[in-house]
Amino acid sequence: MSEDVQAPKIEFPCADYPVKIIGDAAEDFSSVVIEIIQRHDPAFDETCVNLRASSNGRFVSVQVRMLATSEAQLKQLHEDLRATGRVHMVL
């Protein structure tokens, strides 16, 4: 009984799209992430950012909700975040 499981489709625009960015803990990491997100969502509210350090303090996750307008926008956001060399994972 093998079923092809497909990821749920996103309906665009999605006003409350969750993104979690994980990288090395550094003082300016969240500001770098926020700057990139604002390029892709100019109306992004940076007061709604949630930061969480890993248990050993080596990594930090930045959790945001943004306006997702297309798959191309999300793909470019992911590429721009990874291009910093500081982001390990984007979920």
PDB file of N, CA and C in Angstrom:
ATOM      1  N   MET A   1       0.818  -1.169   0.000  1.00  0.00           N
ATOM      2  CA  MET A   1       0.000   0.000   0.000  1.00  0.00           C
ATOM      3  C   MET A   1       0.879   1.256   0.000  1.00  0.00           C
ATOM      4  N   SER A   2       1.374   1.620  -1.123  1.00  0.00           N
ATOM      5  CA  SER A   2       2.254   2.773  -1.226  1.00  0.00           C
ATOM      6  C   SER A   2       1.470   3.975  -1.739  1.00  0.00           C
ATOM      7  N   GLU A   3       1.466   5.024  -0.952  1.00  0.00           N
ATOM      8  CA  GLU A   3       0.774   6.245  -1.341  1.00  0.00           C
ATOM      9  C   GLU A   3       1.787   7.352  -1.553  1.00  0.00           C
ATOM     10  N   ASP A   4       1.538   8.168  -2.556  1.00  0.00           N
ATOM     11  CA  ASP A   4       2.379   9.335  -2.755  1.00  0.00           C
ATOM     12  C   ASP A   4       1.841  10.450  -1.870  1.00  0.00           C
ATOM     13  N   VAL A   5       2.621  10.806  -0.862  1.00  0.00           N
ATOM     14  CA  VAL A   5       2.217  11.866   0.049  1.00  0.00           C
ATOM     15  C   VAL A   5       2.779  13.178  -0.479  1.00  0.00           C
ATOM     16  N   GLN A   6       1.893  14.131  -0.700  1.00  0.00           N
ATOM     17  CA  GLN A   6       2.309  15.422  -1.205  1.00  0.00           C
ATOM     18  C   GLN A   6       2.182  16.462  -0.110  1.00  0.00           C
ATOM     19  N   ALA A   7       3.103  17.422  -0.136  1.00  0.00           N
ATOM     20  CA  ALA A   7       3.038  18.523   0.813  1.00  0.00           C
ATOM     21  C   ALA A   7       1.781  19.338   0.537  1.00  0.00           C
ATOM     22  N   PRO A   8       1.187  19.892   1.578  1.00  0.00           N
ATOM     23  CA  PRO A   8      -0.009  20.700   1.354  1.00  0.00           C
ATOM     24  C   PRO A   8       0.320  21.922   0.498  1.00  0.00           C
ATOM     25  N   LYS A   9      -0.607  22.278  -0.347  1.00  0.00           N
ATOM     26  CA  LYS A   9      -0.426  23.445  -1.205  1.00  0.00           C
ATOM     27  C   LYS A   9      -0.709  24.710  -0.406  1.00  0.00           C
ATOM     28  N   ILE A  10       0.085  25.720  -0.657  1.00  0.00           N
ATOM     29  CA  ILE A  10      -0.090  27.017  -0.014  1.00  0.00           C
ATOM     30  C   ILE A  10      -0.922  27.885  -0.938  1.00  0.00           C
ATOM     31  N   GLU A  11      -1.912  28.537  -0.385  1.00  0.00           N
ATOM     32  CA  GLU A  11      -2.706  29.473  -1.167  1.00  0.00           C
ATOM     33  C   GLU A  11      -2.100  30.861  -1.008  1.00  0.00           C
ATOM     34  N   PHE A  12      -1.707  31.446  -2.121  1.00  0.00           N
ATOM     35  CA  PHE A  12      -1.095  32.771  -2.103  1.00  0.00           C
ATOM     36  C   PHE A  12      -2.130  33.816  -2.457  1.00  0.00           C
ATOM     37  N   PRO A  13      -2.055  34.991  -1.857  1.00  0.00           N
ATOM     38  CA  PRO A  13      -1.113  35.365  -0.803  1.00  0.00           C
ATOM     39  C   PRO A  13      -1.489  34.731   0.532  1.00  0.00           C
ATOM     40  N   CYS A  14      -0.462  34.471   1.329  1.00  0.00           N
ATOM     41  CA  CYS A  14      -0.637  33.900   2.667  1.00  0.00           C
ATOM     42  C   CYS A  14      -0.119  34.946   3.658  1.00  0.00           C
ATOM     43  N   ALA A  15      -1.030  35.584   4.376  1.00  0.00           N
ATOM     44  CA  ALA A  15      -0.686  36.732   5.216  1.00  0.00           C
ATOM     45  C   ALA A  15       0.082  36.370   6.483  1.00  0.00           C
ATOM     46  N   ASP A  16       0.067  35.133   6.889  1.00  0.00           N
ATOM     47  CA  ASP A  16       0.669  34.758   8.168  1.00  0.00           C
ATOM     48  C   ASP A  16       1.567  33.534   7.993  1.00  0.00           C
ATOM     49  N   TYR A  17       2.441  33.579   7.002  1.00  0.00           N
ATOM     50  CA  TYR A  17       3.277  32.431   6.650  1.00  0.00           C
ATOM     51  C   TYR A  17       4.439  32.304   7.649  1.00  0.00           C
ATOM     52  N   PRO A  18       4.565  31.161   8.334  1.00  0.00           N
ATOM     53  CA  PRO A  18       5.628  30.995   9.322  1.00  0.00           C
ATOM     54  C   PRO A  18       6.963  30.607   8.676  1.00  0.00           C
ATOM     55  N   VAL A  19       8.026  31.241   9.154  1.00  0.00           N
ATOM     56  CA  VAL A  19       9.378  30.916   8.695  1.00  0.00           C
ATOM     57  C   VAL A  19      10.263  30.832   9.929  1.00  0.00           C
ATOM     58  N   LYS A  20      11.085  29.792   9.986  1.00  0.00           N
ATOM     59  CA  LYS A  20      12.026  29.614  11.088  1.00  0.00           C
ATOM     60  C   LYS A  20      13.421  29.529  10.484  1.00  0.00           C
ATOM     61  N   ILE A  21      14.319  30.398  10.943  1.00  0.00           N
ATOM     62  CA  ILE A  21      15.681  30.473  10.420  1.00  0.00           C
ATOM     63  C   ILE A  21      16.640  30.131  11.555  1.00  0.00           C
ATOM     64  N   ILE A  22      17.515  29.166  11.325  1.00  0.00           N
ATOM     65  CA  ILE A  22      18.453  28.721  12.351  1.00  0.00           C
ATOM     66  C   ILE A  22      19.870  29.004  11.881  1.00  0.00           C
ATOM     67  N   GLY A  23      20.651  29.608  12.792  1.00  0.00           N
ATOM     68  CA  GLY A  23      22.039  29.917  12.468  1.00  0.00           C
ATOM     69  C   GLY A  23      22.881  29.994  13.726  1.00  0.00           C
ATOM     70  N   ASP A  24      24.165  30.281  13.542  1.00  0.00           N
ATOM     71  CA  ASP A  24      25.062  30.426  14.678  1.00  0.00           C
ATOM     72  C   ASP A  24      24.656  31.635  15.513  1.00  0.00           C
ATOM     73  N   ALA A  25      24.714  31.493  16.821  1.00  0.00           N
ATOM     74  CA  ALA A  25      24.362  32.586  17.721  1.00  0.00           C
ATOM     75  C   ALA A  25      25.386  33.711  17.556  1.00  0.00           C
ATOM     76  N   ALA A  26      24.885  34.895  17.291  1.00  0.00           N
ATOM     77  CA  ALA A  26      25.718  36.098  17.187  1.00  0.00           C
ATOM     78  C   ALA A  26      24.815  37.288  17.461  1.00  0.00           C
ATOM     79  N   GLU A  27      25.390  38.356  17.968  1.00  0.00           N
ATOM     80  CA  GLU A  27      24.613  39.539  18.324  1.00  0.00           C
ATOM     81  C   GLU A  27      23.791  40.082  17.170  1.00  0.00           C
ATOM     82  N   ASP A  28      24.342  40.058  15.972  1.00  0.00           N
ATOM     83  CA  ASP A  28      23.668  40.685  14.833  1.00  0.00           C
ATOM     84  C   ASP A  28      22.903  39.700  13.946  1.00  0.00           C
ATOM     85  N   PHE A  29      22.819  38.439  14.339  1.00  0.00           N
ATOM     86  CA  PHE A  29      22.171  37.448  13.482  1.00  0.00           C
ATOM     87  C   PHE A  29      20.722  37.818  13.174  1.00  0.00           C
ATOM     88  N   SER A  30      19.956  38.172  14.197  1.00  0.00           N
ATOM     89  CA  SER A  30      18.544  38.483  13.965  1.00  0.00           C
ATOM     90  C   SER A  30      18.383  39.714  13.087  1.00  0.00           C
ATOM     91  N   SER A  31      19.241  40.708  13.227  1.00  0.00           N
ATOM     92  CA  SER A  31      19.114  41.908  12.388  1.00  0.00           C
ATOM     93  C   SER A  31      19.433  41.604  10.926  1.00  0.00           C
ATOM     94  N   VAL A  32      20.362  40.696  10.677  1.00  0.00           N
ATOM     95  CA  VAL A  32      20.673  40.271   9.306  1.00  0.00           C
ATOM     96  C   VAL A  32      19.463  39.561   8.704  1.00  0.00           C
ATOM     97  N   VAL A  33      18.867  38.667   9.475  1.00  0.00           N
ATOM     98  CA  VAL A  33      17.695  37.916   9.018  1.00  0.00           C
ATOM     99  C   VAL A  33      16.529  38.866   8.747  1.00  0.00           C
ATOM    100  N   ILE A  34      16.268  39.784   9.665  1.00  0.00           N
ATOM    101  CA  ILE A  34      15.159  40.730   9.515  1.00  0.00           C
ATOM    102  C   ILE A  34      15.347  41.601   8.281  1.00  0.00           C
ATOM    103  N   GLU A  35      16.563  42.058   8.036  1.00  0.00           N
ATOM    104  CA  GLU A  35      16.840  42.877   6.856  1.00  0.00           C
ATOM    105  C   GLU A  35      16.488  42.127   5.569  1.00  0.00           C
ATOM    106  N   ILE A  36      16.837  40.861   5.505  1.00  0.00           N
ATOM    107  CA  ILE A  36      16.543  40.057   4.315  1.00  0.00           C
ATOM    108  C   ILE A  36      15.038  39.827   4.180  1.00  0.00           C
ATOM    109  N   ILE A  37      14.370  39.537   5.276  1.00  0.00           N
ATOM    110  CA  ILE A  37      12.928  39.322   5.222  1.00  0.00           C
ATOM    111  C   ILE A  37      12.225  40.596   4.760  1.00  0.00           C
ATOM    112  N   GLN A  38      12.668  41.750   5.230  1.00  0.00           N
ATOM    113  CA  GLN A  38      12.048  43.015   4.830  1.00  0.00           C
ATOM    114  C   GLN A  38      12.223  43.295   3.341  1.00  0.00           C
ATOM    115  N   ARG A  39      13.268  42.775   2.735  1.00  0.00           N
ATOM    116  CA  ARG A  39      13.439  42.922   1.286  1.00  0.00           C
ATOM    117  C   ARG A  39      12.332  42.185   0.529  1.00  0.00           C
ATOM    118  N   HIS A  40      11.889  41.075   1.093  1.00  0.00           N
ATOM    119  CA  HIS A  40      10.886  40.245   0.438  1.00  0.00           C
ATOM    120  C   HIS A  40       9.466  40.560   0.893  1.00  0.00           C
ATOM    121  N   ASP A  41       9.332  41.195   2.054  1.00  0.00           N
ATOM    122  CA  ASP A  41       8.029  41.605   2.578  1.00  0.00           C
ATOM    123  C   ASP A  41       8.207  42.983   3.219  1.00  0.00           C
ATOM    124  N   PRO A  42       8.110  44.056   2.424  1.00  0.00           N
ATOM    125  CA  PRO A  42       8.345  45.412   2.941  1.00  0.00           C
ATOM    126  C   PRO A  42       7.440  45.793   4.112  1.00  0.00           C
ATOM    127  N   ALA A  43       6.294  45.160   4.255  1.00  0.00           N
ATOM    128  CA  ALA A  43       5.372  45.473   5.352  1.00  0.00           C
ATOM    129  C   ALA A  43       5.639  44.613   6.587  1.00  0.00           C
ATOM    130  N   PHE A  44       6.712  43.843   6.589  1.00  0.00           N
ATOM    131  CA  PHE A  44       7.030  42.945   7.694  1.00  0.00           C
ATOM    132  C   PHE A  44       7.146  43.720   9.008  1.00  0.00           C
ATOM    133  N   ASP A  45       6.505  43.205  10.047  1.00  0.00           N
ATOM    134  CA  ASP A  45       6.520  43.820  11.378  1.00  0.00           C
ATOM    135  C   ASP A  45       7.599  43.155  12.222  1.00  0.00           C
ATOM    136  N   GLU A  46       8.731  43.832  12.373  1.00  0.00           N
ATOM    137  CA  GLU A  46       9.853  43.231  13.083  1.00  0.00           C
ATOM    138  C   GLU A  46       9.630  43.104  14.584  1.00  0.00           C
ATOM    139  N   THR A  47       8.543  43.679  15.104  1.00  0.00           N
ATOM    140  CA  THR A  47       8.250  43.507  16.525  1.00  0.00           C
ATOM    141  C   THR A  47       7.668  42.125  16.819  1.00  0.00           C
ATOM    142  N   CYS A  48       7.320  41.385  15.779  1.00  0.00           N
ATOM    143  CA  CYS A  48       6.738  40.048  15.944  1.00  0.00           C
ATOM    144  C   CYS A  48       7.768  38.939  15.756  1.00  0.00           C
ATOM    145  N   VAL A  49       9.025  39.227  15.996  1.00  0.00           N
ATOM    146  CA  VAL A  49      10.096  38.239  15.845  1.00  0.00           C
ATOM    147  C   VAL A  49      10.275  37.502  17.167  1.00  0.00           C
ATOM    148  N   ASN A  50      10.415  36.182  17.073  1.00  0.00           N
ATOM    149  CA  ASN A  50      10.629  35.363  18.258  1.00  0.00           C
ATOM    150  C   ASN A  50      12.007  34.716  18.153  1.00  0.00           C
ATOM    151  N   LEU A  51      12.871  34.999  19.117  1.00  0.00           N
ATOM    152  CA  LEU A  51      14.219  34.424  19.141  1.00  0.00           C
ATOM    153  C   LEU A  51      14.284  33.330  20.195  1.00  0.00           C
ATOM    154  N   ARG A  52      15.003  32.263  19.862  1.00  0.00           N
ATOM    155  CA  ARG A  52      15.187  31.181  20.824  1.00  0.00           C
ATOM    156  C   ARG A  52      16.598  30.626  20.665  1.00  0.00           C
ATOM    157  N   ALA A  53      17.340  30.625  21.758  1.00  0.00           N
ATOM    158  CA  ALA A  53      18.698  30.070  21.750  1.00  0.00           C
ATOM    159  C   ALA A  53      18.637  28.571  21.985  1.00  0.00           C
ATOM    160  N   SER A  54      19.618  27.851  21.424  1.00  0.00           N
ATOM    161  CA  SER A  54      19.698  26.410  21.675  1.00  0.00           C
ATOM    162  C   SER A  54      20.127  26.183  23.120  1.00  0.00           C
ATOM    163  N   SER A  55      20.005  24.961  23.586  1.00  0.00           N
ATOM    164  CA  SER A  55      20.307  24.663  24.991  1.00  0.00           C
ATOM    165  C   SER A  55      21.756  24.965  25.362  1.00  0.00           C
ATOM    166  N   ASN A  56      22.673  24.825  24.405  1.00  0.00           N
ATOM    167  CA  ASN A  56      24.073  25.122  24.707  1.00  0.00           C
ATOM    168  C   ASN A  56      24.471  26.538  24.280  1.00  0.00           C
ATOM    169  N   GLY A  57      23.530  27.293  23.700  1.00  0.00           N
ATOM    170  CA  GLY A  57      23.796  28.676  23.317  1.00  0.00           C
ATOM    171  C   GLY A  57      24.584  28.849  22.035  1.00  0.00           C
ATOM    172  N   ARG A  58      24.861  27.763  21.350  1.00  0.00           N
ATOM    173  CA  ARG A  58      25.670  27.846  20.125  1.00  0.00           C
ATOM    174  C   ARG A  58      24.851  28.319  18.925  1.00  0.00           C
ATOM    175  N   PHE A  59      23.574  27.977  18.898  1.00  0.00           N
ATOM    176  CA  PHE A  59      22.702  28.328  17.777  1.00  0.00           C
ATOM    177  C   PHE A  59      21.550  29.189  18.261  1.00  0.00           C
ATOM    178  N   VAL A  60      20.928  29.875  17.316  1.00  0.00           N
ATOM    179  CA  VAL A  60      19.732  30.664  17.619  1.00  0.00           C
ATOM    180  C   VAL A  60      18.730  30.451  16.489  1.00  0.00           C
ATOM    181  N   SER A  61      17.455  30.413  16.852  1.00  0.00           N
ATOM    182  CA  SER A  61      16.419  30.345  15.824  1.00  0.00           C
ATOM    183  C   SER A  61      15.641  31.655  15.858  1.00  0.00           C
ATOM    184  N   VAL A  62      15.339  32.139  14.668  1.00  0.00           N
ATOM    185  CA  VAL A  62      14.553  33.348  14.499  1.00  0.00           C
ATOM    186  C   VAL A  62      13.247  32.910  13.854  1.00  0.00           C
ATOM    187  N   GLN A  63      12.148  33.090  14.569  1.00  0.00           N
ATOM    188  CA  GLN A  63      10.850  32.681  14.059  1.00  0.00           C
ATOM    189  C   GLN A  63      10.047  33.931  13.720  1.00  0.00           C
ATOM    190  N   VAL A  64       9.510  33.946  12.497  1.00  0.00           N
ATOM    191  CA  VAL A  64       8.746  35.101  12.036  1.00  0.00           C
ATOM    192  C   VAL A  64       7.492  34.612  11.310  1.00  0.00           C
ATOM    193  N   ARG A  65       6.576  35.519  11.101  1.00  0.00           N
ATOM    194  CA  ARG A  65       5.416  35.301  10.237  1.00  0.00           C
ATOM    195  C   ARG A  65       5.408  36.454   9.259  1.00  0.00           C
ATOM    196  N   MET A  66       5.295  36.123   7.989  1.00  0.00           N
ATOM    197  CA  MET A  66       5.402  37.140   6.950  1.00  0.00           C
ATOM    198  C   MET A  66       4.328  36.951   5.889  1.00  0.00           C
ATOM    199  N   LEU A  67       4.224  37.918   5.004  1.00  0.00           N
ATOM    200  CA  LEU A  67       3.306  37.830   3.875  1.00  0.00           C
ATOM    201  C   LEU A  67       4.019  37.092   2.748  1.00  0.00           C
ATOM    202  N   ALA A  68       3.546  35.895   2.454  1.00  0.00           N
ATOM    203  CA  ALA A  68       4.092  35.112   1.343  1.00  0.00           C
ATOM    204  C   ALA A  68       3.216  35.346   0.125  1.00  0.00           C
ATOM    205  N   THR A  69       3.811  35.796  -0.963  1.00  0.00           N
ATOM    206  CA  THR A  69       3.029  36.139  -2.152  1.00  0.00           C
ATOM    207  C   THR A  69       3.148  35.121  -3.272  1.00  0.00           C
ATOM    208  N   SER A  70       4.224  34.302  -3.243  1.00  0.00           N
ATOM    209  CA  SER A  70       4.395  33.306  -4.303  1.00  0.00           C
ATOM    210  C   SER A  70       5.481  32.309  -3.915  1.00  0.00           C
ATOM    211  N   GLU A  71       5.512  31.192  -4.627  1.00  0.00           N
ATOM    212  CA  GLU A  71       6.587  30.221  -4.418  1.00  0.00           C
ATOM    213  C   GLU A  71       7.928  30.823  -4.801  1.00  0.00           C
ATOM    214  N   ALA A  72       7.938  31.640  -5.848  1.00  0.00           N
ATOM    215  CA  ALA A  72       9.184  32.282  -6.283  1.00  0.00           C
ATOM    216  C   ALA A  72       9.731  33.198  -5.190  1.00  0.00           C
ATOM    217  N   GLN A  73       8.853  33.931  -4.519  1.00  0.00           N
ATOM    218  CA  GLN A  73       9.282  34.812  -3.425  1.00  0.00           C
ATOM    219  C   GLN A  73       9.925  33.991  -2.310  1.00  0.00           C
ATOM    220  N   LEU A  74       9.280  32.889  -1.921  1.00  0.00           N
ATOM    221  CA  LEU A  74       9.802  32.058  -0.838  1.00  0.00           C
ATOM    222  C   LEU A  74      11.122  31.403  -1.235  1.00  0.00           C
ATOM    223  N   LYS A  75      11.237  30.976  -2.469  1.00  0.00           N
ATOM    224  CA  LYS A  75      12.484  30.380  -2.948  1.00  0.00           C
ATOM    225  C   LYS A  75      13.611  31.409  -2.910  1.00  0.00           C
ATOM    226  N   GLN A  76      13.344  32.628  -3.358  1.00  0.00           N
ATOM    227  CA  GLN A  76      14.367  33.673  -3.352  1.00  0.00           C
ATOM    228  C   GLN A  76      14.743  34.061  -1.926  1.00  0.00           C
ATOM    229  N   LEU A  77      13.758  34.109  -1.028  1.00  0.00           N
ATOM    230  CA  LEU A  77      14.038  34.387   0.382  1.00  0.00           C
ATOM    231  C   LEU A  77      14.998  33.343   0.937  1.00  0.00           C
ATOM    232  N   HIS A  78      14.700  32.082   0.680  1.00  0.00           N
ATOM    233  CA  HIS A  78      15.553  30.988   1.150  1.00  0.00           C
ATOM    234  C   HIS A  78      16.975  31.137   0.594  1.00  0.00           C
ATOM    235  N   GLU A  79      17.084  31.420  -0.688  1.00  0.00           N
ATOM    236  CA  GLU A  79      18.404  31.580  -1.307  1.00  0.00           C
ATOM    237  C   GLU A  79      19.161  32.764  -0.713  1.00  0.00           C
ATOM    238  N   ASP A  80      18.476  33.878  -0.491  1.00  0.00           N
ATOM    239  CA  ASP A  80      19.129  35.057   0.084  1.00  0.00           C
ATOM    240  C   ASP A  80      19.597  34.800   1.515  1.00  0.00           C
ATOM    241  N   LEU A  81      18.794  34.089   2.285  1.00  0.00           N
ATOM    242  CA  LEU A  81      19.193  33.759   3.653  1.00  0.00           C
ATOM    243  C   LEU A  81      20.408  32.841   3.648  1.00  0.00           C
ATOM    244  N   ARG A  82      20.392  31.823   2.804  1.00  0.00           N
ATOM    245  CA  ARG A  82      21.530  30.886   2.738  1.00  0.00           C
ATOM    246  C   ARG A  82      22.798  31.568   2.214  1.00  0.00           C
ATOM    247  N   ALA A  83      22.630  32.570   1.345  1.00  0.00           N
ATOM    248  CA  ALA A  83      23.776  33.270   0.752  1.00  0.00           C
ATOM    249  C   ALA A  83      24.577  34.048   1.799  1.00  0.00           C
ATOM    250  N   THR A  84      24.007  34.299   2.959  1.00  0.00           N
ATOM    251  CA  THR A  84      24.748  35.018   4.004  1.00  0.00           C
ATOM    252  C   THR A  84      25.900  34.169   4.549  1.00  0.00           C
ATOM    253  N   GLY A  85      25.792  32.859   4.389  1.00  0.00           N
ATOM    254  CA  GLY A  85      26.805  31.966   4.944  1.00  0.00           C
ATOM    255  C   GLY A  85      26.641  31.755   6.437  1.00  0.00           C
ATOM    256  N   ARG A  86      25.629  32.372   7.011  1.00  0.00           N
ATOM    257  CA  ARG A  86      25.409  32.300   8.462  1.00  0.00           C
ATOM    258  C   ARG A  86      24.189  31.475   8.824  1.00  0.00           C
ATOM    259  N   VAL A  87      23.368  31.153   7.850  1.00  0.00           N
ATOM    260  CA  VAL A  87      22.125  30.404   8.077  1.00  0.00           C
ATOM    261  C   VAL A  87      22.383  28.937   7.800  1.00  0.00           C
ATOM    262  N   HIS A  88      22.037  28.105   8.773  1.00  0.00           N
ATOM    263  CA  HIS A  88      22.204  26.655   8.609  1.00  0.00           C
ATOM    264  C   HIS A  88      20.956  25.988   8.065  1.00  0.00           C
ATOM    265  N   MET A  89      19.777  26.538   8.442  1.00  0.00           N
ATOM    266  CA  MET A  89      18.536  25.877   8.040  1.00  0.00           C
ATOM    267  C   MET A  89      17.410  26.913   7.975  1.00  0.00           C
ATOM    268  N   VAL A  90      16.546  26.720   6.981  1.00  0.00           N
ATOM    269  CA  VAL A  90      15.331  27.537   6.863  1.00  0.00           C
ATOM    270  C   VAL A  90      14.164  26.579   6.801  1.00  0.00           C
ATOM    271  N   LEU A  91      13.230  26.729   7.715  1.00  0.00           N
ATOM    272  CA  LEU A  91      12.054  25.858   7.774  1.00  0.00           C
ATOM    273  C   LEU A  91      10.799  26.679   7.551  1.00  0.00           C
TER     274      LEU A  91
END
